[in-house]
């Protein structure tokens, strides 16, 4: 297992020149300067992979790569399924928002995401989110973490 300290997460394109090792996962520096250990529960990730493959991959792609041309509205005026692998905009949303969209579907006029609240349990939704977040590059995950903290009303600890 390797561990990378992000050196330029602010632009999400910078390189890293330092490695730091932590037994639980990579140590990341977020845009706010907070240092976090990125951890994903392997059992939850495996369950999420299965949930995603069964219920989500048909639209979002087997590796959560999204539909081609996902940034353009389709013929019906709705956006196609976006990538969830860190290359789209999902990381701009806190966990509560991601889970709300899965539960209740796309906001009206936005996309064609159906509501899954009657088909997936809360545990399955949590697992699916854990799986696709595990695909995110470290810089994307670090930027998302700051968003998550703001949504929880927390100030990052440096």
N, C-alpha and C. Protein backbone atom coordinates (compact mmCIF):
# COMPACT_ATOMS: atom_id res chain seq x y z
N UNK A 1 0.86 -1.17 0.00
CA UNK A 1 0.00 0.00 0.00
C UNK A 1 0.90 1.23 0.00
N UNK A 2 0.59 2.19 -0.84
CA UNK A 2 1.36 3.42 -0.84
C UNK A 2 0.50 4.56 -0.33
N UNK A 3 1.17 5.58 0.11
CA UNK A 3 0.50 6.72 0.70
C UNK A 3 1.06 7.97 0.06
N UNK A 4 0.17 8.87 -0.33
CA UNK A 4 0.59 10.07 -1.01
C UNK A 4 0.08 11.28 -0.26
N UNK A 5 0.95 12.25 -0.05
CA UNK A 5 0.52 13.52 0.51
C UNK A 5 0.27 14.43 -0.67
N UNK A 6 -0.92 15.00 -0.74
CA UNK A 6 -1.24 15.89 -1.85
C UNK A 6 -0.53 17.21 -1.67
N UNK A 7 0.10 17.67 -2.72
CA UNK A 7 0.87 18.89 -2.64
C UNK A 7 0.13 20.06 -3.27
N UNK A 8 -0.77 19.76 -4.20
CA UNK A 8 -1.44 20.85 -4.91
C UNK A 8 -2.89 20.50 -5.16
N UNK A 9 -3.62 20.12 -4.13
CA UNK A 9 -5.01 19.70 -4.30
C UNK A 9 -5.89 20.85 -4.76
N UNK A 10 -5.51 22.07 -4.52
CA UNK A 10 -6.37 23.20 -4.86
C UNK A 10 -6.73 23.21 -6.33
N UNK A 11 -5.81 22.85 -7.19
CA UNK A 11 -6.11 22.84 -8.62
C UNK A 11 -6.54 21.48 -9.11
N UNK A 12 -6.45 20.48 -8.31
CA UNK A 12 -6.79 19.10 -8.65
C UNK A 12 -5.96 18.57 -9.80
N UNK A 13 -4.89 19.28 -10.16
CA UNK A 13 -4.05 18.82 -11.25
C UNK A 13 -2.59 18.77 -10.85
N UNK A 14 -2.28 19.22 -9.66
CA UNK A 14 -0.88 19.30 -9.25
C UNK A 14 -0.27 17.95 -8.99
N UNK A 15 1.04 17.94 -8.94
CA UNK A 15 1.76 16.70 -8.68
C UNK A 15 2.12 16.60 -7.22
N UNK A 16 2.64 15.43 -6.85
CA UNK A 16 3.04 15.20 -5.48
C UNK A 16 4.50 14.80 -5.47
N UNK A 17 5.22 15.25 -4.46
CA UNK A 17 6.63 14.88 -4.38
C UNK A 17 7.00 14.28 -3.04
N UNK A 18 6.01 14.00 -2.20
CA UNK A 18 6.26 13.45 -0.89
C UNK A 18 5.33 12.27 -0.65
N UNK A 19 5.86 11.23 -0.03
CA UNK A 19 5.02 10.11 0.37
C UNK A 19 5.03 10.01 1.88
N UNK A 20 3.90 9.65 2.42
CA UNK A 20 3.78 9.45 3.85
C UNK A 20 2.99 8.18 4.05
N UNK A 21 3.41 7.37 4.99
CA UNK A 21 2.76 6.09 5.19
C UNK A 21 1.94 6.09 6.48
N UNK A 22 0.76 5.54 6.38
CA UNK A 22 -0.13 5.37 7.53
C UNK A 22 -0.73 3.99 7.38
N UNK A 23 -0.83 3.22 8.44
CA UNK A 23 -1.32 1.84 8.29
C UNK A 23 -2.76 1.72 7.79
N UNK A 24 -3.57 2.76 7.92
CA UNK A 24 -4.97 2.65 7.52
C UNK A 24 -5.25 3.16 6.11
N UNK A 25 -4.36 3.93 5.52
CA UNK A 25 -4.60 4.44 4.18
C UNK A 25 -3.75 5.66 3.91
N UNK A 26 -3.92 6.24 2.72
CA UNK A 26 -3.13 7.41 2.35
C UNK A 26 -3.44 8.61 3.23
N UNK A 27 -2.41 9.36 3.57
CA UNK A 27 -2.57 10.62 4.28
C UNK A 27 -2.64 11.71 3.23
N UNK A 28 -3.72 12.48 3.26
CA UNK A 28 -3.95 13.51 2.26
C UNK A 28 -4.00 14.88 2.90
N UNK A 29 -3.56 15.87 2.17
CA UNK A 29 -3.74 17.25 2.60
C UNK A 29 -4.85 17.83 1.74
N UNK A 30 -5.85 18.41 2.39
CA UNK A 30 -6.99 18.95 1.67
C UNK A 30 -6.71 20.39 1.26
N UNK A 31 -7.62 20.97 0.50
CA UNK A 31 -7.47 22.35 0.05
C UNK A 31 -7.40 23.32 1.21
N UNK A 32 -8.04 22.99 2.32
CA UNK A 32 -8.02 23.88 3.48
C UNK A 32 -6.79 23.65 4.35
N UNK A 33 -5.97 22.70 3.96
CA UNK A 33 -4.77 22.41 4.73
C UNK A 33 -4.94 21.32 5.77
N UNK A 34 -6.14 20.79 5.90
CA UNK A 34 -6.37 19.70 6.84
C UNK A 34 -5.66 18.44 6.35
N UNK A 35 -5.15 17.67 7.27
CA UNK A 35 -4.52 16.39 6.92
C UNK A 35 -5.47 15.28 7.36
N UNK A 36 -5.81 14.43 6.44
CA UNK A 36 -6.76 13.35 6.72
C UNK A 36 -6.17 12.03 6.28
N UNK A 37 -6.64 10.96 6.87
CA UNK A 37 -6.28 9.62 6.43
C UNK A 37 -7.46 9.10 5.64
N UNK A 38 -7.23 8.75 4.39
CA UNK A 38 -8.29 8.24 3.52
C UNK A 38 -8.48 6.75 3.80
N UNK A 39 -9.67 6.41 4.27
CA UNK A 39 -9.96 5.01 4.60
C UNK A 39 -11.26 4.60 3.93
N UNK A 40 -11.28 3.39 3.42
CA UNK A 40 -12.50 2.79 2.89
C UNK A 40 -12.61 1.39 3.46
N UNK A 41 -13.76 1.07 4.02
CA UNK A 41 -14.01 -0.26 4.57
C UNK A 41 -14.06 -1.26 3.41
N UNK A 42 -13.12 -2.20 3.35
CA UNK A 42 -13.07 -3.13 2.21
C UNK A 42 -14.36 -3.94 2.03
N UNK A 43 -14.99 -4.32 3.14
CA UNK A 43 -16.24 -5.09 3.03
C UNK A 43 -17.37 -4.23 2.47
N UNK A 44 -17.43 -2.98 2.90
CA UNK A 44 -18.46 -2.07 2.39
C UNK A 44 -18.22 -1.75 0.92
N UNK A 45 -16.95 -1.57 0.55
CA UNK A 45 -16.61 -1.32 -0.86
C UNK A 45 -17.03 -2.52 -1.72
N UNK A 46 -16.75 -3.73 -1.26
CA UNK A 46 -17.12 -4.93 -2.02
C UNK A 46 -18.64 -5.03 -2.16
N UNK A 47 -19.35 -4.75 -1.10
CA UNK A 47 -20.82 -4.78 -1.17
C UNK A 47 -21.33 -3.70 -2.11
N UNK A 48 -20.73 -2.52 -2.03
CA UNK A 48 -21.11 -1.42 -2.91
C UNK A 48 -20.85 -1.73 -4.37
N UNK A 49 -19.75 -2.42 -4.65
CA UNK A 49 -19.45 -2.82 -6.03
C UNK A 49 -20.56 -3.71 -6.57
N UNK A 50 -21.03 -4.63 -5.75
CA UNK A 50 -22.11 -5.54 -6.16
C UNK A 50 -23.43 -4.79 -6.36
N UNK A 51 -23.76 -3.90 -5.44
CA UNK A 51 -24.99 -3.10 -5.55
C UNK A 51 -24.94 -2.26 -6.82
N UNK A 52 -23.80 -1.61 -7.04
CA UNK A 52 -23.64 -0.75 -8.21
C UNK A 52 -23.77 -1.57 -9.49
N UNK A 53 -23.11 -2.71 -9.54
CA UNK A 53 -23.17 -3.56 -10.74
C UNK A 53 -24.60 -3.98 -11.04
N UNK A 54 -25.36 -4.31 -10.02
CA UNK A 54 -26.72 -4.79 -10.21
C UNK A 54 -27.71 -3.68 -10.56
N UNK A 55 -27.55 -2.50 -9.95
CA UNK A 55 -28.59 -1.47 -10.06
C UNK A 55 -28.17 -0.20 -10.79
N UNK A 56 -26.89 0.09 -10.85
CA UNK A 56 -26.46 1.42 -11.33
C UNK A 56 -25.65 1.38 -12.62
N UNK A 57 -24.93 0.30 -12.84
CA UNK A 57 -23.98 0.23 -13.96
C UNK A 57 -24.67 0.37 -15.32
N UNK A 58 -25.90 -0.07 -15.43
CA UNK A 58 -26.61 0.02 -16.71
C UNK A 58 -26.62 1.46 -17.23
N UNK A 59 -26.75 2.42 -16.34
CA UNK A 59 -26.78 3.82 -16.76
C UNK A 59 -25.45 4.53 -16.56
N UNK A 60 -24.80 4.28 -15.42
CA UNK A 60 -23.58 5.01 -15.08
C UNK A 60 -22.31 4.34 -15.57
N UNK A 61 -22.41 3.14 -16.16
CA UNK A 61 -21.24 2.43 -16.66
C UNK A 61 -20.66 1.48 -15.62
N UNK A 62 -20.06 0.41 -16.10
CA UNK A 62 -19.53 -0.63 -15.21
C UNK A 62 -18.49 -0.10 -14.24
N UNK A 63 -17.70 0.87 -14.67
CA UNK A 63 -16.68 1.46 -13.79
C UNK A 63 -17.06 2.87 -13.36
N UNK A 64 -18.36 3.17 -13.40
CA UNK A 64 -18.90 4.47 -12.97
C UNK A 64 -18.40 5.61 -13.86
N UNK A 65 -18.10 5.29 -15.13
CA UNK A 65 -17.55 6.28 -16.05
C UNK A 65 -18.59 7.22 -16.64
N UNK A 66 -19.86 6.94 -16.44
CA UNK A 66 -20.93 7.82 -16.92
C UNK A 66 -21.22 7.64 -18.39
N UNK A 67 -22.25 8.32 -18.83
CA UNK A 67 -22.65 8.28 -20.24
C UNK A 67 -21.77 9.21 -21.05
N UNK A 68 -21.58 8.86 -22.34
CA UNK A 68 -20.85 9.80 -23.20
C UNK A 68 -21.63 11.12 -23.27
N UNK A 69 -20.91 12.19 -23.37
CA UNK A 69 -21.53 13.51 -23.52
C UNK A 69 -22.46 13.86 -22.36
N UNK A 70 -22.09 13.44 -21.16
CA UNK A 70 -22.94 13.63 -19.99
C UNK A 70 -23.14 15.09 -19.61
N UNK A 71 -22.34 15.98 -20.14
CA UNK A 71 -22.48 17.42 -19.82
C UNK A 71 -23.52 18.12 -20.68
N UNK A 72 -23.99 17.45 -21.72
CA UNK A 72 -24.97 18.06 -22.63
C UNK A 72 -26.35 17.47 -22.41
N UNK A 73 -27.32 18.34 -22.38
CA UNK A 73 -28.71 17.86 -22.26
C UNK A 73 -29.05 17.01 -23.47
N UNK A 74 -29.80 15.96 -23.22
CA UNK A 74 -30.22 15.07 -24.29
C UNK A 74 -31.43 15.62 -25.02
N UNK A 75 -31.96 14.84 -25.97
CA UNK A 75 -33.12 15.28 -26.75
C UNK A 75 -34.33 15.66 -25.91
N UNK A 76 -34.49 15.04 -24.75
CA UNK A 76 -35.61 15.36 -23.87
C UNK A 76 -35.32 16.50 -22.92
N UNK A 77 -34.14 17.11 -23.06
CA UNK A 77 -33.79 18.24 -22.20
C UNK A 77 -33.15 17.86 -20.88
N UNK A 78 -32.93 16.57 -20.65
CA UNK A 78 -32.34 16.10 -19.40
C UNK A 78 -30.88 15.72 -19.61
N UNK A 79 -30.10 15.84 -18.56
CA UNK A 79 -28.70 15.42 -18.63
C UNK A 79 -28.60 13.91 -18.54
N UNK A 80 -27.69 13.31 -19.33
CA UNK A 80 -27.44 11.86 -19.21
C UNK A 80 -26.75 11.55 -17.88
N UNK A 81 -26.66 10.27 -17.52
CA UNK A 81 -26.01 9.90 -16.26
C UNK A 81 -24.55 10.35 -16.23
N UNK A 82 -24.17 11.08 -15.18
CA UNK A 82 -22.79 11.55 -15.09
C UNK A 82 -21.87 10.45 -14.58
N UNK A 83 -20.56 10.65 -14.78
CA UNK A 83 -19.61 9.71 -14.17
C UNK A 83 -19.61 9.89 -12.66
N UNK A 84 -19.37 8.81 -11.97
CA UNK A 84 -19.29 8.83 -10.51
C UNK A 84 -17.89 8.42 -10.05
N UNK A 85 -16.97 8.30 -10.99
CA UNK A 85 -15.62 7.82 -10.73
C UNK A 85 -14.63 8.92 -10.33
N UNK A 86 -15.12 10.12 -10.12
CA UNK A 86 -14.26 11.23 -9.75
C UNK A 86 -13.97 12.16 -10.90
N UNK A 87 -14.35 11.77 -12.11
CA UNK A 87 -14.10 12.62 -13.28
C UNK A 87 -15.27 13.55 -13.59
N UNK A 88 -16.36 13.40 -12.88
CA UNK A 88 -17.54 14.24 -13.07
C UNK A 88 -17.68 15.24 -11.93
N UNK A 89 -18.90 15.56 -11.61
CA UNK A 89 -19.15 16.56 -10.57
C UNK A 89 -19.70 15.97 -9.27
N UNK A 90 -19.80 14.67 -9.15
CA UNK A 90 -20.37 14.07 -7.94
C UNK A 90 -19.60 14.48 -6.69
N UNK A 91 -18.31 14.67 -6.82
CA UNK A 91 -17.50 15.02 -5.65
C UNK A 91 -17.82 16.41 -5.11
N UNK A 92 -18.54 17.22 -5.87
CA UNK A 92 -18.96 18.54 -5.39
C UNK A 92 -20.10 18.43 -4.36
N UNK A 93 -20.66 17.25 -4.21
CA UNK A 93 -21.82 17.04 -3.34
C UNK A 93 -21.43 16.30 -2.07
N UNK A 94 -21.94 16.76 -0.96
CA UNK A 94 -21.74 16.07 0.33
C UNK A 94 -22.47 14.73 0.29
N UNK A 95 -22.10 13.86 1.20
CA UNK A 95 -22.71 12.52 1.28
C UNK A 95 -24.22 12.59 1.37
N UNK A 96 -24.74 13.51 2.18
CA UNK A 96 -26.20 13.60 2.33
C UNK A 96 -26.86 13.92 0.99
N UNK A 97 -26.24 14.77 0.18
CA UNK A 97 -26.82 15.11 -1.12
C UNK A 97 -26.74 13.92 -2.08
N UNK A 98 -25.59 13.24 -2.10
CA UNK A 98 -25.45 12.07 -2.98
C UNK A 98 -26.50 11.02 -2.65
N UNK A 99 -26.66 10.75 -1.36
CA UNK A 99 -27.63 9.73 -0.94
C UNK A 99 -29.06 10.17 -1.19
N UNK A 100 -29.33 11.46 -1.06
CA UNK A 100 -30.67 11.98 -1.34
C UNK A 100 -31.01 11.82 -2.83
N UNK A 101 -30.05 12.07 -3.70
CA UNK A 101 -30.29 11.90 -5.14
C UNK A 101 -30.55 10.43 -5.46
N UNK A 102 -29.79 9.53 -4.84
CA UNK A 102 -30.02 8.10 -5.07
C UNK A 102 -31.41 7.72 -4.55
N UNK A 103 -31.74 8.16 -3.35
CA UNK A 103 -33.02 7.83 -2.73
C UNK A 103 -34.20 8.37 -3.53
N UNK A 104 -34.12 9.66 -3.92
CA UNK A 104 -35.28 10.36 -4.48
C UNK A 104 -35.20 10.68 -5.96
N UNK A 105 -34.10 10.37 -6.59
CA UNK A 105 -33.94 10.63 -8.02
C UNK A 105 -33.43 12.03 -8.29
N UNK A 106 -33.20 12.30 -9.56
CA UNK A 106 -32.70 13.61 -9.99
C UNK A 106 -33.69 14.70 -9.64
N UNK A 107 -33.18 15.90 -9.36
CA UNK A 107 -34.10 17.03 -9.20
C UNK A 107 -34.90 17.23 -10.49
N UNK A 108 -36.12 17.69 -10.40
CA UNK A 108 -36.95 17.88 -11.60
C UNK A 108 -36.23 18.74 -12.65
N UNK A 109 -36.29 18.27 -13.89
CA UNK A 109 -35.70 18.99 -15.00
C UNK A 109 -34.21 18.83 -15.17
N UNK A 110 -33.57 18.04 -14.30
CA UNK A 110 -32.11 17.89 -14.36
C UNK A 110 -31.67 16.64 -15.12
N UNK A 111 -32.09 15.48 -14.64
CA UNK A 111 -31.66 14.22 -15.24
C UNK A 111 -32.74 13.18 -15.12
N UNK A 112 -32.43 11.99 -15.58
CA UNK A 112 -33.42 10.91 -15.57
C UNK A 112 -33.22 9.90 -14.46
N UNK A 113 -32.45 10.24 -13.44
CA UNK A 113 -32.20 9.31 -12.34
C UNK A 113 -33.49 8.99 -11.62
N UNK A 114 -33.85 7.70 -11.58
CA UNK A 114 -35.07 7.33 -10.85
C UNK A 114 -34.82 7.30 -9.35
N UNK A 115 -35.88 7.31 -8.60
CA UNK A 115 -35.78 7.17 -7.14
C UNK A 115 -35.55 5.70 -6.81
N UNK A 116 -34.63 5.43 -5.91
CA UNK A 116 -34.30 4.06 -5.52
C UNK A 116 -34.75 3.73 -4.10
N UNK A 117 -35.45 4.66 -3.45
CA UNK A 117 -35.80 4.46 -2.04
C UNK A 117 -36.66 3.22 -1.80
N UNK A 118 -37.43 2.78 -2.78
CA UNK A 118 -38.26 1.59 -2.60
C UNK A 118 -37.57 0.31 -3.05
N UNK A 119 -36.35 0.45 -3.61
CA UNK A 119 -35.63 -0.73 -4.12
C UNK A 119 -34.34 -1.01 -3.36
N UNK A 120 -33.70 0.04 -2.85
CA UNK A 120 -32.43 -0.14 -2.13
C UNK A 120 -32.60 0.28 -0.67
N UNK A 121 -31.98 -0.50 0.20
CA UNK A 121 -31.97 -0.14 1.62
C UNK A 121 -30.97 0.99 1.84
N UNK A 122 -31.04 1.62 3.00
CA UNK A 122 -30.06 2.65 3.35
C UNK A 122 -28.65 2.08 3.35
N UNK A 123 -28.50 0.84 3.80
CA UNK A 123 -27.20 0.19 3.82
C UNK A 123 -26.67 -0.03 2.41
N UNK A 124 -27.55 -0.40 1.47
CA UNK A 124 -27.12 -0.58 0.09
C UNK A 124 -26.72 0.76 -0.56
N UNK A 125 -27.45 1.80 -0.23
CA UNK A 125 -27.12 3.14 -0.74
C UNK A 125 -25.76 3.57 -0.18
N UNK A 126 -25.56 3.39 1.11
CA UNK A 126 -24.27 3.72 1.73
C UNK A 126 -23.13 2.95 1.05
N UNK A 127 -23.36 1.68 0.80
CA UNK A 127 -22.32 0.84 0.18
C UNK A 127 -22.01 1.30 -1.24
N UNK A 128 -23.03 1.62 -2.01
CA UNK A 128 -22.79 2.08 -3.39
C UNK A 128 -21.97 3.36 -3.39
N UNK A 129 -22.30 4.29 -2.50
CA UNK A 129 -21.54 5.55 -2.40
C UNK A 129 -20.11 5.25 -1.98
N UNK A 130 -19.92 4.38 -1.01
CA UNK A 130 -18.57 4.01 -0.57
C UNK A 130 -17.76 3.44 -1.73
N UNK A 131 -18.40 2.61 -2.57
CA UNK A 131 -17.67 2.02 -3.70
C UNK A 131 -17.24 3.09 -4.70
N UNK A 132 -18.18 3.93 -5.15
CA UNK A 132 -17.75 4.87 -6.17
C UNK A 132 -16.81 5.92 -5.61
N UNK A 133 -16.92 6.26 -4.32
CA UNK A 133 -15.94 7.18 -3.74
C UNK A 133 -14.56 6.54 -3.66
N UNK A 134 -14.52 5.23 -3.52
CA UNK A 134 -13.22 4.55 -3.47
C UNK A 134 -12.49 4.65 -4.82
N UNK A 135 -13.20 4.97 -5.88
CA UNK A 135 -12.60 5.12 -7.20
C UNK A 135 -11.98 6.51 -7.41
N UNK A 136 -12.37 7.46 -6.59
CA UNK A 136 -11.94 8.84 -6.78
C UNK A 136 -10.43 8.98 -6.56
N UNK A 137 -9.76 9.73 -7.43
CA UNK A 137 -8.35 10.02 -7.19
C UNK A 137 -8.19 10.75 -5.85
N UNK A 138 -7.03 10.64 -5.25
CA UNK A 138 -6.80 11.26 -3.95
C UNK A 138 -7.10 12.76 -3.94
N UNK A 139 -6.71 13.48 -4.99
CA UNK A 139 -6.95 14.93 -5.03
C UNK A 139 -8.45 15.23 -5.03
N UNK A 140 -9.22 14.45 -5.74
CA UNK A 140 -10.67 14.63 -5.78
C UNK A 140 -11.28 14.30 -4.42
N UNK A 141 -10.84 13.20 -3.83
CA UNK A 141 -11.36 12.82 -2.51
C UNK A 141 -11.06 13.90 -1.47
N UNK A 142 -9.85 14.46 -1.52
CA UNK A 142 -9.47 15.50 -0.56
C UNK A 142 -10.33 16.74 -0.73
N UNK A 143 -10.62 17.11 -1.98
CA UNK A 143 -11.49 18.27 -2.23
C UNK A 143 -12.91 17.98 -1.74
N UNK A 144 -13.40 16.76 -1.98
CA UNK A 144 -14.73 16.37 -1.50
C UNK A 144 -14.77 16.43 0.03
N UNK A 145 -13.73 15.99 0.70
CA UNK A 145 -13.72 15.96 2.16
C UNK A 145 -14.00 17.35 2.74
N UNK A 146 -13.40 18.38 2.15
CA UNK A 146 -13.66 19.75 2.62
C UNK A 146 -15.14 20.09 2.46
N UNK A 147 -15.74 19.71 1.32
CA UNK A 147 -17.17 19.94 1.09
C UNK A 147 -18.00 19.21 2.14
N UNK A 148 -17.62 17.99 2.42
CA UNK A 148 -18.33 17.18 3.42
C UNK A 148 -18.28 17.85 4.79
N UNK A 149 -17.12 18.35 5.16
CA UNK A 149 -16.98 19.01 6.47
C UNK A 149 -17.85 20.26 6.56
N UNK A 150 -17.87 21.05 5.48
CA UNK A 150 -18.72 22.25 5.47
C UNK A 150 -20.19 21.87 5.61
N UNK A 151 -20.60 20.78 4.94
CA UNK A 151 -22.00 20.37 5.02
C UNK A 151 -22.39 19.94 6.43
N UNK A 152 -21.43 19.48 7.17
CA UNK A 152 -21.65 19.03 8.56
C UNK A 152 -21.48 20.17 9.55
N UNK A 153 -21.17 21.36 9.05
CA UNK A 153 -20.98 22.52 9.92
C UNK A 153 -19.66 22.47 10.68
N UNK A 154 -18.70 21.73 10.16
CA UNK A 154 -17.41 21.60 10.83
C UNK A 154 -16.35 22.45 10.14
N UNK A 155 -15.45 22.93 10.94
CA UNK A 155 -14.28 23.61 10.38
C UNK A 155 -13.17 22.58 10.31
N UNK A 156 -12.46 22.55 9.20
CA UNK A 156 -11.36 21.57 9.08
C UNK A 156 -10.31 21.79 10.17
N UNK A 157 -9.80 20.70 10.66
CA UNK A 157 -8.72 20.72 11.65
C UNK A 157 -7.41 20.59 10.91
N UNK A 158 -6.53 21.54 11.12
CA UNK A 158 -5.24 21.48 10.43
C UNK A 158 -4.21 20.75 11.26
